[in-house]
Amino acid sequence: MTVSAAVRQLARSRHVPRGRNQLHEIFARHFDEFCNQYKDRHAKNYGHFRSERIEHVGRRCCDCGDYLQGVARIRCTNPDCRQNARGVLQTTFRPFSCKGLYLCPSCSQKRTLLFAEHLTDEVLLDLPHRQFVLTLPKALRTLFRHDRRLFSSVSRLIFALMAEFYAEAAGWPLMTGMIVAHQTYGDMLRFNPHFHAIVLEGGFDDEGTFFYIPFSGLEANGVTKLLRCFVRQFGWAELQK
């Protein structure tokens, strides 16, 4: 399945309405205690975060889907609606959502679907793309735990690497596009910083002509060019540190 097809399939997925679940109950019972003890007991091992932002998102997640925190009244005014039996307008009450990303399963799912739809309709070109997952050596991962600014630096490095590779493969500069997102966890929620990238397979010259440069079936010289670009971008001095 191509990247574009996968994004379209995700965008068509059905959103599951939010509701109270076991995660909300766990946060309601233990989140305040976790926030109070994190700096003294866990920061040394797991890194320093923007604790005030995490606390804000966590507390909103605790109230997500809770009818006691407020509801919205929804009424269908369409007389032909099958839900309106005998002309009586049906009324539904829905609790407010926290709109939190990643932490709340329902709200994060909805934002993911909307973002996928945005990429499909407004960002990605109708051209070949490829998805990459770039990982880091275990010896370097602890650096990302304590300095989150490194994620943006590596994201820019990835883009510069691919742009230089296209320029070298084509023989002249090309303008390309890429979407890079970092993720800090892997299986079983273990700390595993890595990057997901949707890469345009090629680029445009100054006249707007697109040059297709596929990654599939790269020969040995293609791999050599890619590694050479990496060394130039990162620098031997950095590799020796």
C-alpha atoms as a PDB file:
ATOM      1  CA  MET A   1       0.000   0.000   0.000  1.00  0.00           C
ATOM      2  CA  THR A   2       1.362   3.408  -0.963  1.00  0.00           C
ATOM      3  CA  VAL A   3       1.643   6.273   1.517  1.00  0.00           C
ATOM      4  CA  SER A   4      -1.139   8.254  -0.173  1.00  0.00           C
ATOM      5  CA  ALA A   5      -3.470   5.227  -0.104  1.00  0.00           C
ATOM      6  CA  ALA A   6      -2.686   4.612   3.561  1.00  0.00           C
ATOM      7  CA  VAL A   7      -3.418   8.249   4.444  1.00  0.00           C
ATOM      8  CA  ARG A   8      -6.713   8.142   2.536  1.00  0.00           C
ATOM      9  CA  GLN A   9      -7.722   4.931   4.287  1.00  0.00           C
ATOM     10  CA  LEU A  10      -6.952   6.502   7.675  1.00  0.00           C
ATOM     11  CA  ALA A  11      -8.944   9.607   6.737  1.00  0.00           C
ATOM     12  CA  ARG A  12     -11.982   7.423   5.911  1.00  0.00           C
ATOM     13  CA  SER A  13     -11.783   5.525   9.186  1.00  0.00           C
ATOM     14  CA  ARG A  14     -14.719   5.776  11.519  1.00  0.00           C
ATOM     15  CA  HIS A  15     -14.260   7.938  14.587  1.00  0.00           C
ATOM     16  CA  VAL A  16     -15.274   6.182  17.801  1.00  0.00           C
ATOM     17  CA  PRO A  17     -17.151   8.594  20.112  1.00  0.00           C
ATOM     18  CA  ARG A  18     -15.428   9.369  23.374  1.00  0.00           C
ATOM     19  CA  GLY A  19     -16.542   8.014  26.691  1.00  0.00           C
ATOM     20  CA  ARG A  20     -15.262   7.253  30.159  1.00  0.00           C
ATOM     21  CA  ASN A  21     -12.871   4.305  30.249  1.00  0.00           C
ATOM     22  CA  GLN A  22     -10.279   2.706  32.526  1.00  0.00           C
ATOM     23  CA  LEU A  23      -7.605   5.208  31.473  1.00  0.00           C
ATOM     24  CA  HIS A  24      -9.724   8.073  32.767  1.00  0.00           C
ATOM     25  CA  GLU A  25     -10.240   6.264  36.051  1.00  0.00           C
ATOM     26  CA  ILE A  26      -6.504   5.640  36.473  1.00  0.00           C
ATOM     27  CA  PHE A  27      -5.720   9.294  35.843  1.00  0.00           C
ATOM     28  CA  ALA A  28      -8.434  10.436  38.208  1.00  0.00           C
ATOM     29  CA  ARG A  29      -6.958   8.340  41.037  1.00  0.00           C
ATOM     30  CA  HIS A  30      -3.210   8.722  40.495  1.00  0.00           C
ATOM     31  CA  PHE A  31      -2.391  11.710  38.289  1.00  0.00           C
ATOM     32  CA  ASP A  32      -2.120  14.336  41.034  1.00  0.00           C
ATOM     33  CA  GLU A  33       0.207  12.091  43.054  1.00  0.00           C
ATOM     34  CA  PHE A  34       2.332  11.465  39.963  1.00  0.00           C
ATOM     35  CA  CYS A  35       2.711  15.199  39.265  1.00  0.00           C
ATOM     36  CA  ASN A  36       3.694  15.945  42.859  1.00  0.00           C
ATOM     37  CA  GLN A  37       6.371  13.220  42.945  1.00  0.00           C
ATOM     38  CA  TYR A  38       7.737  13.374  39.415  1.00  0.00           C
ATOM     39  CA  LYS A  39      10.456  15.980  39.924  1.00  0.00           C
ATOM     40  CA  ASP A  40      11.954  14.221  42.947  1.00  0.00           C
ATOM     41  CA  ARG A  41      11.474  10.567  42.011  1.00  0.00           C
ATOM     42  CA  HIS A  42      11.391  10.278  38.210  1.00  0.00           C
ATOM     43  CA  ALA A  43      12.951  13.304  36.495  1.00  0.00           C
ATOM     44  CA  LYS A  44      16.489  11.967  36.854  1.00  0.00           C
ATOM     45  CA  ASN A  45      15.633   8.783  34.944  1.00  0.00           C
ATOM     46  CA  TYR A  46      12.973   9.970  32.518  1.00  0.00           C
ATOM     47  CA  GLY A  47      14.009  13.552  31.840  1.00  0.00           C
ATOM     48  CA  HIS A  48      12.634  17.005  32.561  1.00  0.00           C
ATOM     49  CA  PHE A  49       9.465  17.970  30.739  1.00  0.00           C
ATOM     50  CA  ARG A  50       7.203  20.978  30.501  1.00  0.00           C
ATOM     51  CA  SER A  51       5.381  19.751  33.572  1.00  0.00           C
ATOM     52  CA  GLU A  52       2.824  22.569  33.591  1.00  0.00           C
ATOM     53  CA  ARG A  53       1.684  21.634  30.086  1.00  0.00           C
ATOM     54  CA  ILE A  54       1.498  17.936  30.937  1.00  0.00           C
ATOM     55  CA  GLU A  55      -0.531  18.690  34.047  1.00  0.00           C
ATOM     56  CA  HIS A  56      -2.939  20.839  32.028  1.00  0.00           C
ATOM     57  CA  VAL A  57      -3.499  18.124  29.396  1.00  0.00           C
ATOM     58  CA  GLY A  58      -3.741  15.385  32.033  1.00  0.00           C
ATOM     59  CA  ARG A  59      -6.374  17.151  34.096  1.00  0.00           C
ATOM     60  CA  ARG A  60      -8.433  17.962  31.014  1.00  0.00           C
ATOM     61  CA  CYS A  61      -8.233  14.297  30.056  1.00  0.00           C
ATOM     62  CA  CYS A  62      -9.620  13.344  33.470  1.00  0.00           C
ATOM     63  CA  ASP A  63     -12.721  15.448  32.755  1.00  0.00           C
ATOM     64  CA  CYS A  64     -13.141  14.296  29.140  1.00  0.00           C
ATOM     65  CA  GLY A  65     -16.534  12.706  28.540  1.00  0.00           C
ATOM     66  CA  ASP A  66     -17.713  13.474  32.074  1.00  0.00           C
ATOM     67  CA  TYR A  67     -21.348  14.617  31.996  1.00  0.00           C
ATOM     68  CA  LEU A  68     -20.840  16.387  35.326  1.00  0.00           C
ATOM     69  CA  GLN A  69     -18.401  18.794  33.652  1.00  0.00           C
ATOM     70  CA  GLY A  70     -20.959  20.068  31.145  1.00  0.00           C
ATOM     71  CA  VAL A  71     -22.853  18.844  28.098  1.00  0.00           C
ATOM     72  CA  ALA A  72     -23.939  20.033  24.687  1.00  0.00           C
ATOM     73  CA  ARG A  73     -27.580  19.583  23.653  1.00  0.00           C
ATOM     74  CA  ILE A  74     -27.967  18.400  20.068  1.00  0.00           C
ATOM     75  CA  ARG A  75     -31.302  18.319  18.280  1.00  0.00           C
ATOM     76  CA  CYS A  76     -31.973  17.275  14.696  1.00  0.00           C
ATOM     77  CA  THR A  77     -34.433  19.629  12.954  1.00  0.00           C
ATOM     78  CA  ASN A  78     -34.691  17.604   9.753  1.00  0.00           C
ATOM     79  CA  PRO A  79     -38.354  16.434   9.488  1.00  0.00           C
ATOM     80  CA  ASP A  80     -37.316  13.545   7.219  1.00  0.00           C
ATOM     81  CA  CYS A  81     -34.809  12.162   9.679  1.00  0.00           C
ATOM     82  CA  ARG A  82     -35.594   8.595  10.657  1.00  0.00           C
ATOM     83  CA  GLN A  83     -34.661   9.402  14.249  1.00  0.00           C
ATOM     84  CA  ASN A  84     -37.582  11.835  14.490  1.00  0.00           C
ATOM     85  CA  ALA A  85     -40.420   9.401  15.063  1.00  0.00           C
ATOM     86  CA  ARG A  86     -43.947  10.805  14.532  1.00  0.00           C
ATOM     87  CA  GLY A  87     -42.629  14.289  14.026  1.00  0.00           C
ATOM     88  CA  VAL A  88     -41.125  14.492  17.524  1.00  0.00           C
ATOM     89  CA  LEU A  89     -37.650  16.053  17.344  1.00  0.00           C
ATOM     90  CA  GLN A  90     -35.075  13.870  19.047  1.00  0.00           C
ATOM     91  CA  THR A  91     -32.624  15.442  21.493  1.00  0.00           C
ATOM     92  CA  THR A  92     -29.182  14.083  22.344  1.00  0.00           C
ATOM     93  CA  PHE A  93     -26.790  15.191  25.062  1.00  0.00           C
ATOM     94  CA  ARG A  94     -23.050  14.810  24.567  1.00  0.00           C
ATOM     95  CA  PRO A  95     -20.350  15.609  27.163  1.00  0.00           C
ATOM     96  CA  PHE A  96     -17.545  18.014  26.325  1.00  0.00           C
ATOM     97  CA  SER A  97     -14.217  16.686  25.081  1.00  0.00           C
ATOM     98  CA  CYS A  98     -10.724  17.646  26.214  1.00  0.00           C
ATOM     99  CA  LYS A  99      -9.329  17.836  22.637  1.00  0.00           C
ATOM    100  CA  GLY A 100      -6.021  16.505  23.963  1.00  0.00           C
ATOM    101  CA  LEU A 101      -3.489  15.038  21.575  1.00  0.00           C
ATOM    102  CA  TYR A 102      -2.031  11.536  22.203  1.00  0.00           C
ATOM    103  CA  LEU A 103      -3.128  11.227  25.818  1.00  0.00           C
ATOM    104  CA  CYS A 104      -6.894  10.916  25.334  1.00  0.00           C
ATOM    105  CA  PRO A 105      -7.664   7.947  23.045  1.00  0.00           C
ATOM    106  CA  SER A 106     -10.844   9.363  21.543  1.00  0.00           C
ATOM    107  CA  CYS A 107      -9.746  12.977  21.090  1.00  0.00           C
ATOM    108  CA  SER A 108      -6.350  11.942  19.766  1.00  0.00           C
ATOM    109  CA  GLN A 109      -8.010   9.617  17.259  1.00  0.00           C
ATOM    110  CA  LYS A 110     -10.261  12.405  16.017  1.00  0.00           C
ATOM    111  CA  ARG A 111      -7.359  14.843  15.619  1.00  0.00           C
ATOM    112  CA  THR A 112      -5.339  12.167  13.815  1.00  0.00           C
ATOM    113  CA  LEU A 113      -8.166  11.558  11.345  1.00  0.00           C
ATOM    114  CA  LEU A 114      -8.624  15.276  10.713  1.00  0.00           C
ATOM    115  CA  PHE A 115      -4.884  15.727  10.208  1.00  0.00           C
ATOM    116  CA  ALA A 116      -4.767  12.792   7.779  1.00  0.00           C
ATOM    117  CA  GLU A 117      -7.652  14.307   5.831  1.00  0.00           C
ATOM    118  CA  HIS A 118      -5.844  17.654   5.753  1.00  0.00           C
ATOM    119  CA  LEU A 119      -2.684  16.012   4.384  1.00  0.00           C
ATOM    120  CA  THR A 120      -4.629  14.113   1.736  1.00  0.00           C
ATOM    121  CA  ASP A 121      -6.717  17.042   0.498  1.00  0.00           C
ATOM    122  CA  GLU A 122      -4.440  20.047   0.951  1.00  0.00           C
ATOM    123  CA  VAL A 123      -0.775  19.087   1.435  1.00  0.00           C
ATOM    124  CA  LEU A 124       0.352  15.930  -0.368  1.00  0.00           C
ATOM    125  CA  LEU A 125       0.778  16.216  -4.129  1.00  0.00           C
ATOM    126  CA  ASP A 126      -0.609  13.622  -6.508  1.00  0.00           C
ATOM    127  CA  LEU A 127       2.907  12.276  -6.993  1.00  0.00           C
ATOM    128  CA  PRO A 128       4.894   9.276  -5.674  1.00  0.00           C
ATOM    129  CA  HIS A 129       5.727   9.386  -1.970  1.00  0.00           C
ATOM    130  CA  ARG A 130       7.486   6.978   0.342  1.00  0.00           C
ATOM    131  CA  GLN A 131       7.398   6.523   4.100  1.00  0.00           C
ATOM    132  CA  PHE A 132      10.590   6.210   6.114  1.00  0.00           C
ATOM    133  CA  VAL A 133      11.172   5.334   9.752  1.00  0.00           C
ATOM    134  CA  LEU A 134      14.532   6.543  11.043  1.00  0.00           C
ATOM    135  CA  THR A 135      15.822   5.283  14.378  1.00  0.00           C
ATOM    136  CA  LEU A 136      18.681   6.328  16.620  1.00  0.00           C
ATOM    137  CA  PRO A 137      21.503   4.248  18.135  1.00  0.00           C
ATOM    138  CA  LYS A 138      20.802   3.274  21.743  1.00  0.00           C
ATOM    139  CA  ALA A 139      23.900   5.146  22.899  1.00  0.00           C
ATOM    140  CA  LEU A 140      22.408   8.449  21.654  1.00  0.00           C
ATOM    141  CA  ARG A 141      18.835   8.013  22.839  1.00  0.00           C
ATOM    142  CA  THR A 142      19.502   9.205  26.382  1.00  0.00           C
ATOM    143  CA  LEU A 143      20.556  12.595  24.988  1.00  0.00           C
ATOM    144  CA  PHE A 144      17.072  13.067  23.540  1.00  0.00           C
ATOM    145  CA  ARG A 145      15.509  12.235  26.878  1.00  0.00           C
ATOM    146  CA  HIS A 146      17.070  15.290  28.506  1.00  0.00           C
ATOM    147  CA  ASP A 147      17.219  17.737  25.574  1.00  0.00           C
ATOM    148  CA  ARG A 148      14.044  17.768  23.508  1.00  0.00           C
ATOM    149  CA  ARG A 149      15.432  20.481  21.218  1.00  0.00           C
ATOM    150  CA  LEU A 150      17.461  17.766  19.506  1.00  0.00           C
ATOM    151  CA  PHE A 151      14.300  16.469  17.835  1.00  0.00           C
ATOM    152  CA  SER A 152      13.902  19.625  15.760  1.00  0.00           C
ATOM    153  CA  SER A 153      17.607  19.658  14.921  1.00  0.00           C
ATOM    154  CA  VAL A 154      17.513  16.072  13.653  1.00  0.00           C
ATOM    155  CA  SER A 155      14.325  16.779  11.679  1.00  0.00           C
ATOM    156  CA  ARG A 156      16.088  19.586   9.827  1.00  0.00           C
ATOM    157  CA  LEU A 157      19.085  17.314   9.297  1.00  0.00           C
ATOM    158  CA  ILE A 158      16.853  14.632   7.736  1.00  0.00           C
ATOM    159  CA  PHE A 159      15.360  17.137   5.303  1.00  0.00           C
ATOM    160  CA  ALA A 160      18.769  18.558   4.385  1.00  0.00           C
ATOM    161  CA  LEU A 161      20.081  15.031   3.838  1.00  0.00           C
ATOM    162  CA  MET A 162      17.283  14.070   1.458  1.00  0.00           C
ATOM    163  CA  ALA A 163      17.436  17.377  -0.433  1.00  0.00           C
ATOM    164  CA  GLU A 164      21.177  16.987  -0.999  1.00  0.00           C
ATOM    165  CA  PHE A 165      20.713  13.380  -2.089  1.00  0.00           C
ATOM    166  CA  TYR A 166      18.157  14.414  -4.726  1.00  0.00           C
ATOM    167  CA  ALA A 167      20.421  17.209  -5.970  1.00  0.00           C
ATOM    168  CA  GLU A 168      23.351  14.821  -6.317  1.00  0.00           C
ATOM    169  CA  ALA A 169      21.256  12.117  -7.977  1.00  0.00           C
ATOM    170  CA  ALA A 170      19.735  14.574 -10.484  1.00  0.00           C
ATOM    171  CA  GLY A 171      22.908  16.567 -11.108  1.00  0.00           C
ATOM    172  CA  TRP A 172      21.322  19.937 -10.240  1.00  0.00           C
ATOM    173  CA  PRO A 173      19.373  21.455  -7.302  1.00  0.00           C
ATOM    174  CA  LEU A 174      15.787  20.273  -6.822  1.00  0.00           C
ATOM    175  CA  MET A 175      13.052  21.601  -4.560  1.00  0.00           C
ATOM    176  CA  THR A 176      11.469  18.700  -2.708  1.00  0.00           C
ATOM    177  CA  GLY A 177       8.982  18.216   0.114  1.00  0.00           C
ATOM    178  CA  MET A 178       8.810  16.135   3.268  1.00  0.00           C
ATOM    179  CA  ILE A 179       6.734  15.702   6.407  1.00  0.00           C
ATOM    180  CA  VAL A 180       8.761  14.657   9.465  1.00  0.00           C
ATOM    181  CA  ALA A 181       7.270  13.763  12.845  1.00  0.00           C
ATOM    182  CA  HIS A 182       9.120  12.422  15.854  1.00  0.00           C
ATOM    183  CA  GLN A 183       7.885   9.837  18.330  1.00  0.00           C
ATOM    184  CA  THR A 184       9.439   9.167  21.716  1.00  0.00           C
ATOM    185  CA  TYR A 185       8.137   5.678  22.514  1.00  0.00           C
ATOM    186  CA  GLY A 186       8.029   2.252  20.927  1.00  0.00           C
ATOM    187  CA  ASP A 187       6.698  -1.156  21.949  1.00  0.00           C
ATOM    188  CA  MET A 188       5.387  -1.402  25.507  1.00  0.00           C
ATOM    189  CA  LEU A 189       5.791   2.407  25.791  1.00  0.00           C
ATOM    190  CA  ARG A 190       9.564   2.074  26.171  1.00  0.00           C
ATOM    191  CA  PHE A 191      11.565   5.233  25.453  1.00  0.00           C
ATOM    192  CA  ASN A 192      12.647   4.880  21.843  1.00  0.00           C
ATOM    193  CA  PRO A 193      13.016   8.210  20.010  1.00  0.00           C
ATOM    194  CA  HIS A 194      12.561   7.827  16.272  1.00  0.00           C
ATOM    195  CA  PHE A 195      11.259   9.727  13.272  1.00  0.00           C
ATOM    196  CA  HIS A 196       8.494   9.055  10.761  1.00  0.00           C
ATOM    197  CA  ALA A 197       8.829  10.795   7.410  1.00  0.00           C
ATOM    198  CA  ILE A 198       6.639  11.018   4.311  1.00  0.00           C
ATOM    199  CA  VAL A 199       9.079  11.876   1.534  1.00  0.00           C
ATOM    200  CA  LEU A 200       8.309  13.076  -1.983  1.00  0.00           C
ATOM    201  CA  GLU A 201      10.248  10.772  -4.318  1.00  0.00           C
ATOM    202  CA  GLY A 202      11.956  13.450  -6.348  1.00  0.00           C
ATOM    203  CA  GLY A 203      11.748  17.204  -6.714  1.00  0.00           C
ATOM    204  CA  PHE A 204      11.101  20.206  -8.957  1.00  0.00           C
ATOM    205  CA  ASP A 205      13.630  22.270 -10.866  1.00  0.00           C
ATOM    206  CA  ASP A 206      13.464  26.052 -11.346  1.00  0.00           C
ATOM    207  CA  GLU A 207      11.067  25.640 -14.294  1.00  0.00           C
ATOM    208  CA  GLY A 208       8.599  23.538 -12.297  1.00  0.00           C
ATOM    209  CA  THR A 209       9.454  20.218 -13.948  1.00  0.00           C
ATOM    210  CA  PHE A 210       9.172  17.237 -11.634  1.00  0.00           C
ATOM    211  CA  PHE A 211      11.982  14.650 -11.631  1.00  0.00           C
ATOM    212  CA  TYR A 212      11.056  11.243 -10.265  1.00  0.00           C
ATOM    213  CA  ILE A 213      13.876   9.714  -8.217  1.00  0.00           C
ATOM    214  CA  PRO A 214      12.609   6.451  -6.669  1.00  0.00           C
ATOM    215  CA  PHE A 215      14.154   4.892  -3.585  1.00  0.00           C
ATOM    216  CA  SER A 216      13.066   1.362  -4.438  1.00  0.00           C
ATOM    217  CA  GLY A 217      15.789  -0.730  -6.031  1.00  0.00           C
ATOM    218  CA  LEU A 218      18.630   1.625  -5.173  1.00  0.00           C
ATOM    219  CA  GLU A 219      21.858   0.222  -6.519  1.00  0.00           C
ATOM    220  CA  ALA A 220      25.135   0.284  -4.642  1.00  0.00           C
ATOM    221  CA  ASN A 221      26.104   3.662  -6.088  1.00  0.00           C
ATOM    222  CA  GLY A 222      22.784   5.121  -4.924  1.00  0.00           C
ATOM    223  CA  VAL A 223      23.346   3.926  -1.378  1.00  0.00           C
ATOM    224  CA  THR A 224      26.894   5.308  -1.520  1.00  0.00           C
ATOM    225  CA  LYS A 225      25.533   8.710  -2.545  1.00  0.00           C
ATOM    226  CA  LEU A 226      23.056   8.655   0.335  1.00  0.00           C
ATOM    227  CA  LEU A 227      25.770   7.827   2.865  1.00  0.00           C
ATOM    228  CA  ARG A 228      28.061  10.467   1.393  1.00  0.00           C
ATOM    229  CA  CYS A 229      25.339  13.083   1.835  1.00  0.00           C
ATOM    230  CA  PHE A 230      24.873  12.006   5.436  1.00  0.00           C
ATOM    231  CA  VAL A 231      28.576  12.356   6.203  1.00  0.00           C
ATOM    232  CA  ARG A 232      28.688  15.831   4.639  1.00  0.00           C
ATOM    233  CA  GLN A 233      25.603  16.995   6.534  1.00  0.00           C
ATOM    234  CA  PHE A 234      26.634  15.570   9.894  1.00  0.00           C
ATOM    235  CA  GLY A 235      30.380  16.087   9.563  1.00  0.00           C
ATOM    236  CA  TRP A 236      33.231  13.827  10.576  1.00  0.00           C
ATOM    237  CA  ALA A 237      33.938  16.045  13.588  1.00  0.00           C
ATOM    238  CA  GLU A 238      30.454  15.359  14.932  1.00  0.00           C
ATOM    239  CA  LEU A 239      30.739  11.630  14.240  1.00  0.00           C
ATOM    240  CA  GLN A 240      33.901  11.450  16.342  1.00  0.00           C
ATOM    241  CA  LYS A 241      32.371  13.117  19.393  1.00  0.00           C
END
